[in-house]
Protein backbone atom coordinates (compact mmCIF):
# COMPACT_ATOMS: atom_id res chain seq x y z
CA MET A 1 105.08 101.86 108.14
CA PRO A 2 101.54 101.43 109.61
CA PHE A 3 98.47 101.21 107.40
CA GLU A 4 94.91 99.67 107.73
CA LEU A 5 93.30 97.43 105.09
CA GLU A 6 90.19 95.64 105.30
CA HIS A 7 89.52 97.26 108.67
CA LEU A 8 92.59 95.44 109.85
CA PRO A 9 95.72 97.21 110.79
CA CYS A 10 99.11 96.24 108.88
CA VAL A 11 102.62 97.00 108.71
CA LEU A 12 104.93 97.66 105.95
CA SER A 13 108.44 96.61 106.72
CA TYR A 14 111.40 97.39 104.85
CA ASN A 15 115.25 96.88 104.88
CA GLU A 16 117.15 99.40 103.22
CA ASP A 17 120.23 97.64 103.31
CA ASP A 18 119.07 94.73 100.94
CA GLY A 19 115.66 96.17 99.63
CA GLY A 20 113.79 93.57 101.60
CA PHE A 21 110.38 94.14 102.33
CA ALA A 22 106.97 92.53 103.95
CA PHE A 23 103.39 93.38 104.18
CA ASP A 24 101.76 91.66 107.42
CA SER A 25 98.30 92.18 109.08
CA ILE A 26 97.87 92.07 112.59
CA ALA A 27 94.74 90.33 114.47
CA ASN A 28 94.22 90.57 118.25
CA GLY A 29 91.58 88.03 119.85
CA GLU A 30 92.77 86.15 122.87
CA ASP A 31 96.62 86.34 121.06
CA VAL A 32 98.15 88.55 118.83
CA THR A 33 97.97 86.93 115.13
CA VAL A 34 100.18 88.28 112.29
CA ARG A 35 99.43 87.23 108.72
CA ARG A 36 102.41 87.62 105.99
CA LEU A 37 100.54 89.04 103.05
CA ASP A 38 103.72 89.52 100.69
CA HIS A 39 107.55 89.78 100.98
CA GLY A 40 110.32 90.04 98.79
CA HIS A 41 112.74 92.60 97.46
CA TRP A 42 112.69 96.09 95.73
CA GLN A 43 115.59 96.55 93.53
CA THR A 44 115.26 100.46 94.33
CA ALA A 45 117.25 101.44 97.80
CA TRP A 46 114.28 103.60 99.15
CA THR A 47 115.37 106.10 102.19
CA HIS A 48 112.09 106.92 103.10
CA LEU A 49 108.14 105.25 103.24
CA THR A 50 105.44 107.50 104.19
CA PRO A 51 101.80 106.45 104.54
CA PHE A 52 98.61 108.37 102.99
CA THR A 53 95.43 107.78 102.24
CA LEU A 54 93.55 108.73 98.79
CA HIS A 55 89.87 108.57 98.71
CA GLY A 56 89.94 106.43 101.73
CA ARG A 57 92.42 103.77 100.28
CA PRO A 58 95.71 103.35 101.77
CA CYS A 59 98.81 104.28 99.72
CA PHE A 60 102.51 104.97 100.44
CA LEU A 61 105.10 107.64 99.08
CA SER A 62 108.89 105.90 98.45
CA TYR A 63 111.55 108.39 98.22
CA ARG A 64 115.16 108.11 97.71
CA ALA A 65 117.13 111.14 98.80
CA GLY A 66 120.34 110.56 96.59
CA ASP A 67 118.44 111.33 93.42
CA GLY A 68 115.07 112.01 94.32
CA ALA A 69 113.32 109.54 92.80
CA PHE A 70 109.78 108.58 94.24
CA SER A 71 107.08 106.71 93.44
CA LEU A 72 103.40 106.66 94.89
CA ASP A 73 101.61 103.34 95.18
CA GLU A 74 98.05 102.06 96.29
CA ILE A 75 97.91 99.01 98.38
CA VAL A 76 95.26 96.80 96.97
CA PRO A 77 93.71 93.92 99.14
CA VAL A 78 93.50 90.47 97.77
CA MET A 79 90.84 88.51 99.40
CA ALA A 80 89.61 84.88 99.39
CA HIS A 81 86.11 83.59 100.80
CA GLY A 82 86.06 87.34 102.31
CA VAL A 83 89.53 87.20 103.86
CA LEU A 84 92.54 89.27 103.55
CA THR A 85 95.23 86.93 102.05
CA ALA A 86 97.46 89.05 99.99
CA VAL A 87 98.28 92.32 98.82
CA LYS A 88 99.25 93.87 95.73
CA LEU A 89 100.43 97.54 94.64
CA LYS A 90 98.74 99.88 92.00
CA PRO A 91 101.25 102.50 90.65
CA LEU A 92 99.89 105.91 91.03
CA LEU A 93 102.67 108.30 90.12
CA LYS A 94 106.43 108.21 89.58
CA GLY A 95 109.16 110.70 88.91
CA ALA A 96 111.82 112.92 90.61
CA TRP A 97 111.54 114.85 93.58
CA ALA A 98 114.48 117.45 94.63
CA ARG A 99 117.37 115.61 96.12
CA GLY A 100 118.42 115.50 99.75
CA TRP A 101 115.06 115.47 101.65
CA ARG A 102 115.63 114.15 105.47
CA HIS A 103 112.05 114.08 106.33
CA PHE A 104 108.83 113.47 104.86
CA THR A 105 105.12 113.29 106.45
CA ALA A 106 101.59 112.95 105.09
CA PHE A 107 98.61 114.97 106.01
CA VAL A 108 95.14 115.96 104.78
CA LEU A 109 94.28 119.39 103.89
CA ASP A 110 91.06 120.57 102.55
CA GLY A 111 90.35 116.95 101.67
CA HIS A 112 93.47 116.49 99.80
CA ALA A 113 96.35 114.43 100.79
CA CYS A 114 99.60 116.58 101.07
CA PHE A 115 103.48 116.03 101.90
CA LEU A 116 105.71 118.03 104.02
CA SER A 117 109.12 117.66 103.23
CA TYR A 118 111.85 119.15 105.28
CA GLY A 119 115.99 119.38 105.77
CA ARG A 120 117.17 119.53 102.37
CA GLY A 121 120.51 119.47 101.99
CA GLY A 122 120.92 119.56 105.61
CA THR A 123 119.25 123.13 105.76
CA GLY A 124 115.77 124.41 107.45
CA ARG A 125 114.03 124.25 103.86
CA TYR A 126 110.79 122.77 103.65
CA SER A 127 108.21 122.33 100.97
CA ILE A 128 104.60 121.47 100.90
CA ASP A 129 102.84 119.63 98.26
CA ARG A 130 99.25 118.57 97.54
CA LEU A 131 98.21 115.42 95.60
CA GLU A 132 95.55 116.18 93.10
CA TYR A 133 93.15 113.42 91.62
CA ARG A 134 92.70 114.05 87.95
CA ALA A 135 91.10 112.06 84.98
CA ARG A 136 94.28 110.92 83.66
CA GLY A 137 95.72 110.34 87.15
CA VAL A 138 97.28 112.10 89.95
CA THR A 139 99.55 114.90 89.77
CA LEU A 140 101.59 117.00 92.83
CA ARG A 141 101.43 120.73 93.01
CA LYS A 142 103.54 122.86 95.12
CA LEU A 143 101.32 124.85 98.03
CA ARG A 144 104.27 126.58 99.71
CA GLU A 145 108.05 126.17 100.21
CA GLY A 146 110.12 128.23 102.47
CA THR A 147 112.88 128.06 105.33
CA CYS A 148 112.61 127.35 109.25
CA HIS A 149 114.60 126.09 112.02
CA PRO A 150 117.21 123.91 110.54
CA ALA A 151 118.14 121.59 113.74
CA TRP A 152 114.74 119.68 113.78
CA THR A 153 115.68 115.96 113.92
CA HIS A 154 111.83 114.90 114.01
CA VAL A 155 109.06 116.22 112.16
CA MET A 156 105.33 114.91 112.38
CA THR A 157 101.91 115.89 111.43
CA PHE A 158 98.67 115.19 113.37
CA MET A 159 95.19 116.42 113.34
CA LEU A 160 93.73 119.11 115.89
CA GLY A 161 90.29 120.11 115.47
CA ARG A 162 90.01 118.84 111.91
CA GLU A 163 93.05 121.04 110.84
CA PRO A 164 96.35 119.54 110.35
CA HIS A 165 99.24 120.82 112.44
CA VAL A 166 102.90 120.11 112.33
CA LEU A 167 105.27 119.05 115.41
CA ALA A 168 108.83 119.40 115.08
CA TYR A 169 111.41 118.56 117.69
CA GLY A 170 115.19 118.95 117.79
CA LEU A 171 117.54 116.17 119.87
CA ASP A 172 119.99 118.84 120.19
CA GLY A 173 118.72 121.47 122.51
CA ASN A 174 115.55 119.47 123.33
CA ARG A 175 113.38 122.02 121.46
CA PHE A 176 110.03 122.05 120.04
CA ARG A 177 107.44 123.68 117.86
CA ILE A 178 103.90 123.27 117.07
CA GLN A 179 102.31 124.99 114.22
CA ARG A 180 99.15 124.78 112.22
CA VAL A 181 98.75 124.36 108.39
CA GLU A 182 96.34 126.78 106.79
CA SER A 183 94.78 126.19 103.68
CA ASP A 184 97.51 127.85 101.49
CA GLY A 185 100.28 125.96 103.14
CA ARG A 186 101.34 128.70 105.68
CA LEU A 187 102.65 127.56 108.65
CA THR A 188 101.38 129.61 111.75
CA ARG A 189 103.02 129.10 115.25
CA LEU A 190 101.44 128.12 117.92
CA LYS A 191 103.81 126.95 120.80
CA ASP A 192 107.57 126.85 121.54
CA GLY A 193 109.04 125.00 124.06
CA ILE A 194 111.60 122.49 125.55
CA TRP A 195 111.03 118.94 126.25
CA PHE A 196 114.03 117.31 128.57
CA GLY A 197 114.81 113.83 128.31
CA GLY A 198 116.66 113.40 124.88
CA TRP A 199 113.72 111.87 122.81
CA THR A 200 114.81 109.82 120.07
CA THR A 201 111.39 108.44 118.84
CA LEU A 202 108.00 110.74 118.65
CA MET A 203 104.95 108.13 118.02
CA PRO A 204 101.68 109.96 117.22
CA TYR A 205 98.56 108.02 118.11
CA ALA A 206 94.78 108.55 118.56
CA ALA A 207 93.07 107.88 121.79
CA ASP A 208 89.00 108.34 122.28
CA GLY A 209 89.41 110.65 119.25
CA ALA A 210 92.22 112.90 120.65
CA PRO A 211 95.74 113.30 119.24
CA HIS A 212 98.29 111.76 121.45
CA LEU A 213 101.84 111.73 121.48
CA LEU A 214 104.46 108.85 122.98
CA ARG A 215 107.97 110.40 123.53
CA TYR A 216 110.83 107.44 123.87
CA ALA A 217 114.20 107.76 124.37
CA GLU A 218 116.20 104.68 123.28
CA GLY A 219 119.38 104.61 125.29
CA ASN A 220 117.54 104.33 128.80
CA GLY A 221 113.87 103.32 127.74
CA ARG A 222 112.50 106.49 129.20
CA VAL A 223 109.04 107.15 127.95
CA SER A 224 106.11 110.13 128.14
CA PHE A 225 102.67 109.74 127.45
CA ASP A 226 101.15 113.17 126.39
CA ARG A 227 97.92 114.51 124.87
CA LEU A 228 97.93 117.30 122.68
CA SER A 229 95.45 119.89 123.25
CA PRO A 230 94.01 122.47 120.73
CA ASP A 231 95.97 125.53 121.68
CA GLY A 232 99.22 123.95 121.13
CA THR A 233 99.97 122.69 124.65
CA THR A 234 100.72 119.36 125.77
CA VAL A 235 99.35 117.58 128.87
CA THR A 236 101.58 114.56 130.14
CA LEU A 237 99.57 111.66 131.11
CA GLY A 238 102.41 109.66 132.67
CA TYR A 239 106.16 108.98 132.70
CA GLY A 240 108.02 105.45 133.20
CA THR A 241 110.76 103.39 131.91
CA VAL A 242 110.28 100.79 129.05
CA ALA A 243 112.71 98.50 127.61
CA PRO A 244 115.56 100.41 126.15
CA GLY A 245 116.95 99.66 122.77
CA TRP A 246 113.95 99.88 120.72
CA SER A 247 115.01 101.34 117.23
CA THR A 248 111.32 101.72 115.64
CA LEU A 249 107.88 102.13 117.29
CA VAL A 250 104.95 101.93 114.91
CA PRO A 251 101.28 103.00 116.18
CA TYR A 252 98.16 100.75 115.10
CA GLU A 253 94.76 100.32 116.45
CA ILE A 254 92.60 97.40 117.33
CA THR A 255 88.69 97.46 117.84
CA LYS A 256 87.72 95.61 121.09
CA GLY A 257 84.48 96.09 122.74
CA GLY A 258 83.38 98.33 119.97
CA ARG A 259 86.12 100.67 120.62
CA ARG A 260 89.18 101.31 118.80
CA ARG A 261 92.14 100.77 121.30
CA PRO A 262 95.69 102.35 120.52
CA CYS A 263 98.66 100.01 120.34
CA MET A 264 102.26 99.80 118.98
CA PHE A 265 104.61 97.76 117.48
CA CYS A 266 108.34 97.92 118.88
CA TYR A 267 111.24 96.65 116.86
CA ARG A 268 114.97 96.47 118.02
CA ARG A 269 117.08 96.11 114.63
CA GLY A 270 120.40 94.91 116.42
CA ASP A 271 118.77 91.59 117.63
CA GLY A 272 115.31 91.33 115.68
CA THR A 273 113.04 91.23 118.83
CA PHE A 274 110.00 92.98 118.66
CA GLU A 275 106.79 93.38 120.95
CA PHE A 276 103.32 94.21 120.38
CA ASP A 277 101.69 96.24 123.38
CA ARG A 278 98.42 98.01 123.85
CA ILE A 279 98.21 101.71 125.56
CA LEU A 280 96.47 101.40 128.53
CA ASP A 281 92.67 103.39 128.50
CA ARG A 282 93.84 105.90 131.39
CA GLY A 283 96.71 106.70 128.72
CA ASP A 284 99.82 106.70 131.12
CA GLY A 285 101.39 102.99 130.13
CA TYR A 286 100.89 99.93 128.27
CA GLU A 287 100.58 96.10 128.49
CA CYS A 288 102.88 93.94 126.25
CA LEU A 289 100.29 91.61 124.33
CA TRP A 290 103.08 89.49 122.51
CA ARG A 291 106.77 89.19 122.30
CA GLY A 292 109.05 87.59 119.86
CA GLU A 293 112.31 87.49 117.65
CA VAL A 294 112.11 87.80 113.76
CA THR A 295 114.37 84.89 112.44
């Protein structure tokens, strides 16, 4: 799970099997430097971790599908002589959500952090909830719920023209849909289509202030770099083949030469290998910055 803290890209890693977690910051000079900020084990077997921001501060939602338990926590930096050395968690809200949601994604609507949950009980049910900040703390208020296509395997949000949009994709049938989120939580359909290729990962990222998308097929390493247009169409910048088998791709950004440059962290769960890659300025490929293995 990516987030930014003290102007540094950071990653929260979590192992659902044993509850192990780690917070790491990423610095990029001549080489990539990873600093461990915290690690340990959580007793609760969370099934979803979703990053969001609250008044500019990094936070995340933890959710367990089996019983609907959830926790909202702020990630607080611990500084020493002006250097980020550790993190601590500040609890914001705990409770029980509906059970069985398969997907969570966060976005900002009219200045409020919101959550889109989808696929409850293997159906096309969805819910949009808004996080509201009050004197006694934060609360969740439901904006909209309904039913849409039941076969989406990937659901993500992105900003287009300062408005939140939803991209949904179904691996079975390769269909996708782009919708705009209205102020009252309604979803307005903009585009339906088909992406052939059996994409197992959709990774949103920003380049030059515009939303982009990386599509990746784990089985053969096929990859596509796309730019998302305001009318809901996608412009493919480049196709290619990278290493197959990546189970996780996480976007992050580095600042170099006064520009924020998109990068990605790739991880293979089977053998623990990983890569830090920078997406090329022309947007049609990438270069490896550092690779290694988690021991």
